[in-house]
Amino acid sequence: GLNSVGQLGNGTTVNRNTPGQINA
């Protein structure tokens, strides 16, 4: 989803429209 302020926790501010794993 929205990642404008890093809320996805993946080290970027890029939005995602599919589930992505947060680190290992």
PDBML (XML) file of the C-alpha atoms, coordinates in Angstrom:
<?xml version="1.0" encoding="UTF-8" ?>
<PDBx:datablock datablockName="MODEL"
   xmlns:PDBx="http://pdbml.pdb.org/schema/pdbx-v50.xsd"
   xmlns:xsi="http://www.w3.org/2001/XMLSchema-instance"
   xsi:schemaLocation="http://pdbml.pdb.org/schema/pdbx-v50.xsd pdbx-v50.xsd">
   <PDBx:atom_siteCategory>
      <PDBx:atom_site id="1">
         <PDBx:B_iso_or_equiv>0.00</PDBx:B_iso_or_equiv>
         <PDBx:Cartn_x>0.000</PDBx:Cartn_x>
         <PDBx:Cartn_y>0.000</PDBx:Cartn_y>
         <PDBx:Cartn_z>0.000</PDBx:Cartn_z>
         <PDBx:auth_asym_id>A</PDBx:auth_asym_id>
         <PDBx:auth_atom_id>CA</PDBx:auth_atom_id>
         <PDBx:auth_comp_id>GLY</PDBx:auth_comp_id>
         <PDBx:auth_seq_id>1</PDBx:auth_seq_id>
         <PDBx:group_PDB>ATOM</PDBx:group_PDB>
         <PDBx:label_alt_id xsi:nil="true" />
         <PDBx:label_asym_id>A</PDBx:label_asym_id>
         <PDBx:label_atom_id>CA</PDBx:label_atom_id>
         <PDBx:label_comp_id>GLY</PDBx:label_comp_id>
         <PDBx:label_entity_id>1</PDBx:label_entity_id>
         <PDBx:label_seq_id>1</PDBx:label_seq_id>
         <PDBx:occupancy>1.00</PDBx:occupancy>
         <PDBx:pdbx_PDB_model_num>1</PDBx:pdbx_PDB_model_num>
         <PDBx:type_symbol>C</PDBx:type_symbol>
      </PDBx:atom_site>
      <PDBx:atom_site id="2">
         <PDBx:B_iso_or_equiv>0.00</PDBx:B_iso_or_equiv>
         <PDBx:Cartn_x>0.980</PDBx:Cartn_x>
         <PDBx:Cartn_y>3.618</PDBx:Cartn_y>
         <PDBx:Cartn_z>0.595</PDBx:Cartn_z>
         <PDBx:auth_asym_id>A</PDBx:auth_asym_id>
         <PDBx:auth_atom_id>CA</PDBx:auth_atom_id>
         <PDBx:auth_comp_id>LEU</PDBx:auth_comp_id>
         <PDBx:auth_seq_id>2</PDBx:auth_seq_id>
         <PDBx:group_PDB>ATOM</PDBx:group_PDB>
         <PDBx:label_alt_id xsi:nil="true" />
         <PDBx:label_asym_id>A</PDBx:label_asym_id>
         <PDBx:label_atom_id>CA</PDBx:label_atom_id>
         <PDBx:label_comp_id>LEU</PDBx:label_comp_id>
         <PDBx:label_entity_id>1</PDBx:label_entity_id>
         <PDBx:label_seq_id>2</PDBx:label_seq_id>
         <PDBx:occupancy>1.00</PDBx:occupancy>
         <PDBx:pdbx_PDB_model_num>1</PDBx:pdbx_PDB_model_num>
         <PDBx:type_symbol>C</PDBx:type_symbol>
      </PDBx:atom_site>
      <PDBx:atom_site id="3">
         <PDBx:B_iso_or_equiv>0.00</PDBx:B_iso_or_equiv>
         <PDBx:Cartn_x>4.578</PDBx:Cartn_x>
         <PDBx:Cartn_y>4.130</PDBx:Cartn_y>
         <PDBx:Cartn_z>1.725</PDBx:Cartn_z>
         <PDBx:auth_asym_id>A</PDBx:auth_asym_id>
         <PDBx:auth_atom_id>CA</PDBx:auth_atom_id>
         <PDBx:auth_comp_id>ASN</PDBx:auth_comp_id>
         <PDBx:auth_seq_id>3</PDBx:auth_seq_id>
         <PDBx:group_PDB>ATOM</PDBx:group_PDB>
         <PDBx:label_alt_id xsi:nil="true" />
         <PDBx:label_asym_id>A</PDBx:label_asym_id>
         <PDBx:label_atom_id>CA</PDBx:label_atom_id>
         <PDBx:label_comp_id>ASN</PDBx:label_comp_id>
         <PDBx:label_entity_id>1</PDBx:label_entity_id>
         <PDBx:label_seq_id>3</PDBx:label_seq_id>
         <PDBx:occupancy>1.00</PDBx:occupancy>
         <PDBx:pdbx_PDB_model_num>1</PDBx:pdbx_PDB_model_num>
         <PDBx:type_symbol>C</PDBx:type_symbol>
      </PDBx:atom_site>
      <PDBx:atom_site id="4">
         <PDBx:B_iso_or_equiv>0.00</PDBx:B_iso_or_equiv>
         <PDBx:Cartn_x>4.980</PDBx:Cartn_x>
         <PDBx:Cartn_y>7.917</PDBx:Cartn_y>
         <PDBx:Cartn_z>1.615</PDBx:Cartn_z>
         <PDBx:auth_asym_id>A</PDBx:auth_asym_id>
         <PDBx:auth_atom_id>CA</PDBx:auth_atom_id>
         <PDBx:auth_comp_id>SER</PDBx:auth_comp_id>
         <PDBx:auth_seq_id>4</PDBx:auth_seq_id>
         <PDBx:group_PDB>ATOM</PDBx:group_PDB>
         <PDBx:label_alt_id xsi:nil="true" />
         <PDBx:label_asym_id>A</PDBx:label_asym_id>
         <PDBx:label_atom_id>CA</PDBx:label_atom_id>
         <PDBx:label_comp_id>SER</PDBx:label_comp_id>
         <PDBx:label_entity_id>1</PDBx:label_entity_id>
         <PDBx:label_seq_id>4</PDBx:label_seq_id>
         <PDBx:occupancy>1.00</PDBx:occupancy>
         <PDBx:pdbx_PDB_model_num>1</PDBx:pdbx_PDB_model_num>
         <PDBx:type_symbol>C</PDBx:type_symbol>
      </PDBx:atom_site>
      <PDBx:atom_site id="5">
         <PDBx:B_iso_or_equiv>0.00</PDBx:B_iso_or_equiv>
         <PDBx:Cartn_x>6.575</PDBx:Cartn_x>
         <PDBx:Cartn_y>8.110</PDBx:Cartn_y>
         <PDBx:Cartn_z>5.064</PDBx:Cartn_z>
         <PDBx:auth_asym_id>A</PDBx:auth_asym_id>
         <PDBx:auth_atom_id>CA</PDBx:auth_atom_id>
         <PDBx:auth_comp_id>VAL</PDBx:auth_comp_id>
         <PDBx:auth_seq_id>5</PDBx:auth_seq_id>
         <PDBx:group_PDB>ATOM</PDBx:group_PDB>
         <PDBx:label_alt_id xsi:nil="true" />
         <PDBx:label_asym_id>A</PDBx:label_asym_id>
         <PDBx:label_atom_id>CA</PDBx:label_atom_id>
         <PDBx:label_comp_id>VAL</PDBx:label_comp_id>
         <PDBx:label_entity_id>1</PDBx:label_entity_id>
         <PDBx:label_seq_id>5</PDBx:label_seq_id>
         <PDBx:occupancy>1.00</PDBx:occupancy>
         <PDBx:pdbx_PDB_model_num>1</PDBx:pdbx_PDB_model_num>
         <PDBx:type_symbol>C</PDBx:type_symbol>
      </PDBx:atom_site>
      <PDBx:atom_site id="6">
         <PDBx:B_iso_or_equiv>0.00</PDBx:B_iso_or_equiv>
         <PDBx:Cartn_x>8.050</PDBx:Cartn_x>
         <PDBx:Cartn_y>4.624</PDBx:Cartn_y>
         <PDBx:Cartn_z>5.298</PDBx:Cartn_z>
         <PDBx:auth_asym_id>A</PDBx:auth_asym_id>
         <PDBx:auth_atom_id>CA</PDBx:auth_atom_id>
         <PDBx:auth_comp_id>GLY</PDBx:auth_comp_id>
         <PDBx:auth_seq_id>6</PDBx:auth_seq_id>
         <PDBx:group_PDB>ATOM</PDBx:group_PDB>
         <PDBx:label_alt_id xsi:nil="true" />
         <PDBx:label_asym_id>A</PDBx:label_asym_id>
         <PDBx:label_atom_id>CA</PDBx:label_atom_id>
         <PDBx:label_comp_id>GLY</PDBx:label_comp_id>
         <PDBx:label_entity_id>1</PDBx:label_entity_id>
         <PDBx:label_seq_id>6</PDBx:label_seq_id>
         <PDBx:occupancy>1.00</PDBx:occupancy>
         <PDBx:pdbx_PDB_model_num>1</PDBx:pdbx_PDB_model_num>
         <PDBx:type_symbol>C</PDBx:type_symbol>
      </PDBx:atom_site>
      <PDBx:atom_site id="7">
         <PDBx:B_iso_or_equiv>0.00</PDBx:B_iso_or_equiv>
         <PDBx:Cartn_x>5.012</PDBx:Cartn_x>
         <PDBx:Cartn_y>2.967</PDBx:Cartn_y>
         <PDBx:Cartn_z>6.887</PDBx:Cartn_z>
         <PDBx:auth_asym_id>A</PDBx:auth_asym_id>
         <PDBx:auth_atom_id>CA</PDBx:auth_atom_id>
         <PDBx:auth_comp_id>GLN</PDBx:auth_comp_id>
         <PDBx:auth_seq_id>7</PDBx:auth_seq_id>
         <PDBx:group_PDB>ATOM</PDBx:group_PDB>
         <PDBx:label_alt_id xsi:nil="true" />
         <PDBx:label_asym_id>A</PDBx:label_asym_id>
         <PDBx:label_atom_id>CA</PDBx:label_atom_id>
         <PDBx:label_comp_id>GLN</PDBx:label_comp_id>
         <PDBx:label_entity_id>1</PDBx:label_entity_id>
         <PDBx:label_seq_id>7</PDBx:label_seq_id>
         <PDBx:occupancy>1.00</PDBx:occupancy>
         <PDBx:pdbx_PDB_model_num>1</PDBx:pdbx_PDB_model_num>
         <PDBx:type_symbol>C</PDBx:type_symbol>
      </PDBx:atom_site>
      <PDBx:atom_site id="8">
         <PDBx:B_iso_or_equiv>0.00</PDBx:B_iso_or_equiv>
         <PDBx:Cartn_x>5.688</PDBx:Cartn_x>
         <PDBx:Cartn_y>-0.271</PDBx:Cartn_y>
         <PDBx:Cartn_z>4.978</PDBx:Cartn_z>
         <PDBx:auth_asym_id>A</PDBx:auth_asym_id>
         <PDBx:auth_atom_id>CA</PDBx:auth_atom_id>
         <PDBx:auth_comp_id>LEU</PDBx:auth_comp_id>
         <PDBx:auth_seq_id>8</PDBx:auth_seq_id>
         <PDBx:group_PDB>ATOM</PDBx:group_PDB>
         <PDBx:label_alt_id xsi:nil="true" />
         <PDBx:label_asym_id>A</PDBx:label_asym_id>
         <PDBx:label_atom_id>CA</PDBx:label_atom_id>
         <PDBx:label_comp_id>LEU</PDBx:label_comp_id>
         <PDBx:label_entity_id>1</PDBx:label_entity_id>
         <PDBx:label_seq_id>8</PDBx:label_seq_id>
         <PDBx:occupancy>1.00</PDBx:occupancy>
         <PDBx:pdbx_PDB_model_num>1</PDBx:pdbx_PDB_model_num>
         <PDBx:type_symbol>C</PDBx:type_symbol>
      </PDBx:atom_site>
      <PDBx:atom_site id="9">
         <PDBx:B_iso_or_equiv>0.00</PDBx:B_iso_or_equiv>
         <PDBx:Cartn_x>8.978</PDBx:Cartn_x>
         <PDBx:Cartn_y>-0.733</PDBx:Cartn_y>
         <PDBx:Cartn_z>6.820</PDBx:Cartn_z>
         <PDBx:auth_asym_id>A</PDBx:auth_asym_id>
         <PDBx:auth_atom_id>CA</PDBx:auth_atom_id>
         <PDBx:auth_comp_id>GLY</PDBx:auth_comp_id>
         <PDBx:auth_seq_id>9</PDBx:auth_seq_id>
         <PDBx:group_PDB>ATOM</PDBx:group_PDB>
         <PDBx:label_alt_id xsi:nil="true" />
         <PDBx:label_asym_id>A</PDBx:label_asym_id>
         <PDBx:label_atom_id>CA</PDBx:label_atom_id>
         <PDBx:label_comp_id>GLY</PDBx:label_comp_id>
         <PDBx:label_entity_id>1</PDBx:label_entity_id>
         <PDBx:label_seq_id>9</PDBx:label_seq_id>
         <PDBx:occupancy>1.00</PDBx:occupancy>
         <PDBx:pdbx_PDB_model_num>1</PDBx:pdbx_PDB_model_num>
         <PDBx:type_symbol>C</PDBx:type_symbol>
      </PDBx:atom_site>
      <PDBx:atom_site id="10">
         <PDBx:B_iso_or_equiv>0.00</PDBx:B_iso_or_equiv>
         <PDBx:Cartn_x>10.966</PDBx:Cartn_x>
         <PDBx:Cartn_y>-1.851</PDBx:Cartn_y>
         <PDBx:Cartn_z>3.797</PDBx:Cartn_z>
         <PDBx:auth_asym_id>A</PDBx:auth_asym_id>
         <PDBx:auth_atom_id>CA</PDBx:auth_atom_id>
         <PDBx:auth_comp_id>ASN</PDBx:auth_comp_id>
         <PDBx:auth_seq_id>10</PDBx:auth_seq_id>
         <PDBx:group_PDB>ATOM</PDBx:group_PDB>
         <PDBx:label_alt_id xsi:nil="true" />
         <PDBx:label_asym_id>A</PDBx:label_asym_id>
         <PDBx:label_atom_id>CA</PDBx:label_atom_id>
         <PDBx:label_comp_id>ASN</PDBx:label_comp_id>
         <PDBx:label_entity_id>1</PDBx:label_entity_id>
         <PDBx:label_seq_id>10</PDBx:label_seq_id>
         <PDBx:occupancy>1.00</PDBx:occupancy>
         <PDBx:pdbx_PDB_model_num>1</PDBx:pdbx_PDB_model_num>
         <PDBx:type_symbol>C</PDBx:type_symbol>
      </PDBx:atom_site>
      <PDBx:atom_site id="11">
         <PDBx:B_iso_or_equiv>0.00</PDBx:B_iso_or_equiv>
         <PDBx:Cartn_x>13.553</PDBx:Cartn_x>
         <PDBx:Cartn_y>0.939</PDBx:Cartn_y>
         <PDBx:Cartn_z>3.861</PDBx:Cartn_z>
         <PDBx:auth_asym_id>A</PDBx:auth_asym_id>
         <PDBx:auth_atom_id>CA</PDBx:auth_atom_id>
         <PDBx:auth_comp_id>GLY</PDBx:auth_comp_id>
         <PDBx:auth_seq_id>11</PDBx:auth_seq_id>
         <PDBx:group_PDB>ATOM</PDBx:group_PDB>
         <PDBx:label_alt_id xsi:nil="true" />
         <PDBx:label_asym_id>A</PDBx:label_asym_id>
         <PDBx:label_atom_id>CA</PDBx:label_atom_id>
         <PDBx:label_comp_id>GLY</PDBx:label_comp_id>
         <PDBx:label_entity_id>1</PDBx:label_entity_id>
         <PDBx:label_seq_id>11</PDBx:label_seq_id>
         <PDBx:occupancy>1.00</PDBx:occupancy>
         <PDBx:pdbx_PDB_model_num>1</PDBx:pdbx_PDB_model_num>
         <PDBx:type_symbol>C</PDBx:type_symbol>
      </PDBx:atom_site>
      <PDBx:atom_site id="12">
         <PDBx:B_iso_or_equiv>0.00</PDBx:B_iso_or_equiv>
         <PDBx:Cartn_x>11.973</PDBx:Cartn_x>
         <PDBx:Cartn_y>2.916</PDBx:Cartn_y>
         <PDBx:Cartn_z>1.006</PDBx:Cartn_z>
         <PDBx:auth_asym_id>A</PDBx:auth_asym_id>
         <PDBx:auth_atom_id>CA</PDBx:auth_atom_id>
         <PDBx:auth_comp_id>THR</PDBx:auth_comp_id>
         <PDBx:auth_seq_id>12</PDBx:auth_seq_id>
         <PDBx:group_PDB>ATOM</PDBx:group_PDB>
         <PDBx:label_alt_id xsi:nil="true" />
         <PDBx:label_asym_id>A</PDBx:label_asym_id>
         <PDBx:label_atom_id>CA</PDBx:label_atom_id>
         <PDBx:label_comp_id>THR</PDBx:label_comp_id>
         <PDBx:label_entity_id>1</PDBx:label_entity_id>
         <PDBx:label_seq_id>12</PDBx:label_seq_id>
         <PDBx:occupancy>1.00</PDBx:occupancy>
         <PDBx:pdbx_PDB_model_num>1</PDBx:pdbx_PDB_model_num>
         <PDBx:type_symbol>C</PDBx:type_symbol>
      </PDBx:atom_site>
      <PDBx:atom_site id="13">
         <PDBx:B_iso_or_equiv>0.00</PDBx:B_iso_or_equiv>
         <PDBx:Cartn_x>9.144</PDBx:Cartn_x>
         <PDBx:Cartn_y>5.358</PDBx:Cartn_y>
         <PDBx:Cartn_z>0.356</PDBx:Cartn_z>
         <PDBx:auth_asym_id>A</PDBx:auth_asym_id>
         <PDBx:auth_atom_id>CA</PDBx:auth_atom_id>
         <PDBx:auth_comp_id>THR</PDBx:auth_comp_id>
         <PDBx:auth_seq_id>13</PDBx:auth_seq_id>
         <PDBx:group_PDB>ATOM</PDBx:group_PDB>
         <PDBx:label_alt_id xsi:nil="true" />
         <PDBx:label_asym_id>A</PDBx:label_asym_id>
         <PDBx:label_atom_id>CA</PDBx:label_atom_id>
         <PDBx:label_comp_id>THR</PDBx:label_comp_id>
         <PDBx:label_entity_id>1</PDBx:label_entity_id>
         <PDBx:label_seq_id>13</PDBx:label_seq_id>
         <PDBx:occupancy>1.00</PDBx:occupancy>
         <PDBx:pdbx_PDB_model_num>1</PDBx:pdbx_PDB_model_num>
         <PDBx:type_symbol>C</PDBx:type_symbol>
      </PDBx:atom_site>
      <PDBx:atom_site id="14">
         <PDBx:B_iso_or_equiv>0.00</PDBx:B_iso_or_equiv>
         <PDBx:Cartn_x>7.921</PDBx:Cartn_x>
         <PDBx:Cartn_y>3.490</PDBx:Cartn_y>
         <PDBx:Cartn_z>-2.719</PDBx:Cartn_z>
         <PDBx:auth_asym_id>A</PDBx:auth_asym_id>
         <PDBx:auth_atom_id>CA</PDBx:auth_atom_id>
         <PDBx:auth_comp_id>VAL</PDBx:auth_comp_id>
         <PDBx:auth_seq_id>14</PDBx:auth_seq_id>
         <PDBx:group_PDB>ATOM</PDBx:group_PDB>
         <PDBx:label_alt_id xsi:nil="true" />
         <PDBx:label_asym_id>A</PDBx:label_asym_id>
         <PDBx:label_atom_id>CA</PDBx:label_atom_id>
         <PDBx:label_comp_id>VAL</PDBx:label_comp_id>
         <PDBx:label_entity_id>1</PDBx:label_entity_id>
         <PDBx:label_seq_id>14</PDBx:label_seq_id>
         <PDBx:occupancy>1.00</PDBx:occupancy>
         <PDBx:pdbx_PDB_model_num>1</PDBx:pdbx_PDB_model_num>
         <PDBx:type_symbol>C</PDBx:type_symbol>
      </PDBx:atom_site>
      <PDBx:atom_site id="15">
         <PDBx:B_iso_or_equiv>0.00</PDBx:B_iso_or_equiv>
         <PDBx:Cartn_x>4.306</PDBx:Cartn_x>
         <PDBx:Cartn_y>2.240</PDBx:Cartn_y>
         <PDBx:Cartn_z>-2.723</PDBx:Cartn_z>
         <PDBx:auth_asym_id>A</PDBx:auth_asym_id>
         <PDBx:auth_atom_id>CA</PDBx:auth_atom_id>
         <PDBx:auth_comp_id>ASN</PDBx:auth_comp_id>
         <PDBx:auth_seq_id>15</PDBx:auth_seq_id>
         <PDBx:group_PDB>ATOM</PDBx:group_PDB>
         <PDBx:label_alt_id xsi:nil="true" />
         <PDBx:label_asym_id>A</PDBx:label_asym_id>
         <PDBx:label_atom_id>CA</PDBx:label_atom_id>
         <PDBx:label_comp_id>ASN</PDBx:label_comp_id>
         <PDBx:label_entity_id>1</PDBx:label_entity_id>
         <PDBx:label_seq_id>15</PDBx:label_seq_id>
         <PDBx:occupancy>1.00</PDBx:occupancy>
         <PDBx:pdbx_PDB_model_num>1</PDBx:pdbx_PDB_model_num>
         <PDBx:type_symbol>C</PDBx:type_symbol>
      </PDBx:atom_site>
      <PDBx:atom_site id="16">
         <PDBx:B_iso_or_equiv>0.00</PDBx:B_iso_or_equiv>
         <PDBx:Cartn_x>3.599</PDBx:Cartn_x>
         <PDBx:Cartn_y>-1.478</PDBx:Cartn_y>
         <PDBx:Cartn_z>-3.248</PDBx:Cartn_z>
         <PDBx:auth_asym_id>A</PDBx:auth_asym_id>
         <PDBx:auth_atom_id>CA</PDBx:auth_atom_id>
         <PDBx:auth_comp_id>ARG</PDBx:auth_comp_id>
         <PDBx:auth_seq_id>16</PDBx:auth_seq_id>
         <PDBx:group_PDB>ATOM</PDBx:group_PDB>
         <PDBx:label_alt_id xsi:nil="true" />
         <PDBx:label_asym_id>A</PDBx:label_asym_id>
         <PDBx:label_atom_id>CA</PDBx:label_atom_id>
         <PDBx:label_comp_id>ARG</PDBx:label_comp_id>
         <PDBx:label_entity_id>1</PDBx:label_entity_id>
         <PDBx:label_seq_id>16</PDBx:label_seq_id>
         <PDBx:occupancy>1.00</PDBx:occupancy>
         <PDBx:pdbx_PDB_model_num>1</PDBx:pdbx_PDB_model_num>
         <PDBx:type_symbol>C</PDBx:type_symbol>
      </PDBx:atom_site>
      <PDBx:atom_site id="17">
         <PDBx:B_iso_or_equiv>0.00</PDBx:B_iso_or_equiv>
         <PDBx:Cartn_x>0.472</PDBx:Cartn_x>
         <PDBx:Cartn_y>-3.039</PDBx:Cartn_y>
         <PDBx:Cartn_z>-4.762</PDBx:Cartn_z>
         <PDBx:auth_asym_id>A</PDBx:auth_asym_id>
         <PDBx:auth_atom_id>CA</PDBx:auth_atom_id>
         <PDBx:auth_comp_id>ASN</PDBx:auth_comp_id>
         <PDBx:auth_seq_id>17</PDBx:auth_seq_id>
         <PDBx:group_PDB>ATOM</PDBx:group_PDB>
         <PDBx:label_alt_id xsi:nil="true" />
         <PDBx:label_asym_id>A</PDBx:label_asym_id>
         <PDBx:label_atom_id>CA</PDBx:label_atom_id>
         <PDBx:label_comp_id>ASN</PDBx:label_comp_id>
         <PDBx:label_entity_id>1</PDBx:label_entity_id>
         <PDBx:label_seq_id>17</PDBx:label_seq_id>
         <PDBx:occupancy>1.00</PDBx:occupancy>
         <PDBx:pdbx_PDB_model_num>1</PDBx:pdbx_PDB_model_num>
         <PDBx:type_symbol>C</PDBx:type_symbol>
      </PDBx:atom_site>
      <PDBx:atom_site id="18">
         <PDBx:B_iso_or_equiv>0.00</PDBx:B_iso_or_equiv>
         <PDBx:Cartn_x>1.349</PDBx:Cartn_x>
         <PDBx:Cartn_y>-6.613</PDBx:Cartn_y>
         <PDBx:Cartn_z>-3.787</PDBx:Cartn_z>
         <PDBx:auth_asym_id>A</PDBx:auth_asym_id>
         <PDBx:auth_atom_id>CA</PDBx:auth_atom_id>
         <PDBx:auth_comp_id>THR</PDBx:auth_comp_id>
         <PDBx:auth_seq_id>18</PDBx:auth_seq_id>
         <PDBx:group_PDB>ATOM</PDBx:group_PDB>
         <PDBx:label_alt_id xsi:nil="true" />
         <PDBx:label_asym_id>A</PDBx:label_asym_id>
         <PDBx:label_atom_id>CA</PDBx:label_atom_id>
         <PDBx:label_comp_id>THR</PDBx:label_comp_id>
         <PDBx:label_entity_id>1</PDBx:label_entity_id>
         <PDBx:label_seq_id>18</PDBx:label_seq_id>
         <PDBx:occupancy>1.00</PDBx:occupancy>
         <PDBx:pdbx_PDB_model_num>1</PDBx:pdbx_PDB_model_num>
         <PDBx:type_symbol>C</PDBx:type_symbol>
      </PDBx:atom_site>
      <PDBx:atom_site id="19">
         <PDBx:B_iso_or_equiv>0.00</PDBx:B_iso_or_equiv>
         <PDBx:Cartn_x>2.520</PDBx:Cartn_x>
         <PDBx:Cartn_y>-8.035</PDBx:Cartn_y>
         <PDBx:Cartn_z>-0.444</PDBx:Cartn_z>
         <PDBx:auth_asym_id>A</PDBx:auth_asym_id>
         <PDBx:auth_atom_id>CA</PDBx:auth_atom_id>
         <PDBx:auth_comp_id>PRO</PDBx:auth_comp_id>
         <PDBx:auth_seq_id>19</PDBx:auth_seq_id>
         <PDBx:group_PDB>ATOM</PDBx:group_PDB>
         <PDBx:label_alt_id xsi:nil="true" />
         <PDBx:label_asym_id>A</PDBx:label_asym_id>
         <PDBx:label_atom_id>CA</PDBx:label_atom_id>
         <PDBx:label_comp_id>PRO</PDBx:label_comp_id>
         <PDBx:label_entity_id>1</PDBx:label_entity_id>
         <PDBx:label_seq_id>19</PDBx:label_seq_id>
         <PDBx:occupancy>1.00</PDBx:occupancy>
         <PDBx:pdbx_PDB_model_num>1</PDBx:pdbx_PDB_model_num>
         <PDBx:type_symbol>C</PDBx:type_symbol>
      </PDBx:atom_site>
      <PDBx:atom_site id="20">
         <PDBx:B_iso_or_equiv>0.00</PDBx:B_iso_or_equiv>
         <PDBx:Cartn_x>6.261</PDBx:Cartn_x>
         <PDBx:Cartn_y>-7.674</PDBx:Cartn_y>
         <PDBx:Cartn_z>0.092</PDBx:Cartn_z>
         <PDBx:auth_asym_id>A</PDBx:auth_asym_id>
         <PDBx:auth_atom_id>CA</PDBx:auth_atom_id>
         <PDBx:auth_comp_id>GLY</PDBx:auth_comp_id>
         <PDBx:auth_seq_id>20</PDBx:auth_seq_id>
         <PDBx:group_PDB>ATOM</PDBx:group_PDB>
         <PDBx:label_alt_id xsi:nil="true" />
         <PDBx:label_asym_id>A</PDBx:label_asym_id>
         <PDBx:label_atom_id>CA</PDBx:label_atom_id>
         <PDBx:label_comp_id>GLY</PDBx:label_comp_id>
         <PDBx:label_entity_id>1</PDBx:label_entity_id>
         <PDBx:label_seq_id>20</PDBx:label_seq_id>
         <PDBx:occupancy>1.00</PDBx:occupancy>
         <PDBx:pdbx_PDB_model_num>1</PDBx:pdbx_PDB_model_num>
         <PDBx:type_symbol>C</PDBx:type_symbol>
      </PDBx:atom_site>
      <PDBx:atom_site id="21">
         <PDBx:B_iso_or_equiv>0.00</PDBx:B_iso_or_equiv>
         <PDBx:Cartn_x>8.251</PDBx:Cartn_x>
         <PDBx:Cartn_y>-9.246</PDBx:Cartn_y>
         <PDBx:Cartn_z>2.928</PDBx:Cartn_z>
         <PDBx:auth_asym_id>A</PDBx:auth_asym_id>
         <PDBx:auth_atom_id>CA</PDBx:auth_atom_id>
         <PDBx:auth_comp_id>GLN</PDBx:auth_comp_id>
         <PDBx:auth_seq_id>21</PDBx:auth_seq_id>
         <PDBx:group_PDB>ATOM</PDBx:group_PDB>
         <PDBx:label_alt_id xsi:nil="true" />
         <PDBx:label_asym_id>A</PDBx:label_asym_id>
         <PDBx:label_atom_id>CA</PDBx:label_atom_id>
         <PDBx:label_comp_id>GLN</PDBx:label_comp_id>
         <PDBx:label_entity_id>1</PDBx:label_entity_id>
         <PDBx:label_seq_id>21</PDBx:label_seq_id>
         <PDBx:occupancy>1.00</PDBx:occupancy>
         <PDBx:pdbx_PDB_model_num>1</PDBx:pdbx_PDB_model_num>
         <PDBx:type_symbol>C</PDBx:type_symbol>
      </PDBx:atom_site>
      <PDBx:atom_site id="22">
         <PDBx:B_iso_or_equiv>0.00</PDBx:B_iso_or_equiv>
         <PDBx:Cartn_x>9.833</PDBx:Cartn_x>
         <PDBx:Cartn_y>-6.913</PDBx:Cartn_y>
         <PDBx:Cartn_z>5.480</PDBx:Cartn_z>
         <PDBx:auth_asym_id>A</PDBx:auth_asym_id>
         <PDBx:auth_atom_id>CA</PDBx:auth_atom_id>
         <PDBx:auth_comp_id>ILE</PDBx:auth_comp_id>
         <PDBx:auth_seq_id>22</PDBx:auth_seq_id>
         <PDBx:group_PDB>ATOM</PDBx:group_PDB>
         <PDBx:label_alt_id xsi:nil="true" />
         <PDBx:label_asym_id>A</PDBx:label_asym_id>
         <PDBx:label_atom_id>CA</PDBx:label_atom_id>
         <PDBx:label_comp_id>ILE</PDBx:label_comp_id>
         <PDBx:label_entity_id>1</PDBx:label_entity_id>
         <PDBx:label_seq_id>22</PDBx:label_seq_id>
         <PDBx:occupancy>1.00</PDBx:occupancy>
         <PDBx:pdbx_PDB_model_num>1</PDBx:pdbx_PDB_model_num>
         <PDBx:type_symbol>C</PDBx:type_symbol>
      </PDBx:atom_site>
      <PDBx:atom_site id="23">
         <PDBx:B_iso_or_equiv>0.00</PDBx:B_iso_or_equiv>
         <PDBx:Cartn_x>13.506</PDBx:Cartn_x>
         <PDBx:Cartn_y>-7.983</PDBx:Cartn_y>
         <PDBx:Cartn_z>5.766</PDBx:Cartn_z>
         <PDBx:auth_asym_id>A</PDBx:auth_asym_id>
         <PDBx:auth_atom_id>CA</PDBx:auth_atom_id>
         <PDBx:auth_comp_id>ASN</PDBx:auth_comp_id>
         <PDBx:auth_seq_id>23</PDBx:auth_seq_id>
         <PDBx:group_PDB>ATOM</PDBx:group_PDB>
         <PDBx:label_alt_id xsi:nil="true" />
         <PDBx:label_asym_id>A</PDBx:label_asym_id>
         <PDBx:label_atom_id>CA</PDBx:label_atom_id>
         <PDBx:label_comp_id>ASN</PDBx:label_comp_id>
         <PDBx:label_entity_id>1</PDBx:label_entity_id>
         <PDBx:label_seq_id>23</PDBx:label_seq_id>
         <PDBx:occupancy>1.00</PDBx:occupancy>
         <PDBx:pdbx_PDB_model_num>1</PDBx:pdbx_PDB_model_num>
         <PDBx:type_symbol>C</PDBx:type_symbol>
      </PDBx:atom_site>
      <PDBx:atom_site id="24">
         <PDBx:B_iso_or_equiv>0.00</PDBx:B_iso_or_equiv>
         <PDBx:Cartn_x>14.413</PDBx:Cartn_x>
         <PDBx:Cartn_y>-11.615</PDBx:Cartn_y>
         <PDBx:Cartn_z>6.480</PDBx:Cartn_z>
         <PDBx:auth_asym_id>A</PDBx:auth_asym_id>
         <PDBx:auth_atom_id>CA</PDBx:auth_atom_id>
         <PDBx:auth_comp_id>ALA</PDBx:auth_comp_id>
         <PDBx:auth_seq_id>24</PDBx:auth_seq_id>
         <PDBx:group_PDB>ATOM</PDBx:group_PDB>
         <PDBx:label_alt_id xsi:nil="true" />
         <PDBx:label_asym_id>A</PDBx:label_asym_id>
         <PDBx:label_atom_id>CA</PDBx:label_atom_id>
         <PDBx:label_comp_id>ALA</PDBx:label_comp_id>
         <PDBx:label_entity_id>1</PDBx:label_entity_id>
         <PDBx:label_seq_id>24</PDBx:label_seq_id>
         <PDBx:occupancy>1.00</PDBx:occupancy>
         <PDBx:pdbx_PDB_model_num>1</PDBx:pdbx_PDB_model_num>
         <PDBx:type_symbol>C</PDBx:type_symbol>
      </PDBx:atom_site>
   </PDBx:atom_siteCategory>
</PDBx:datablock>
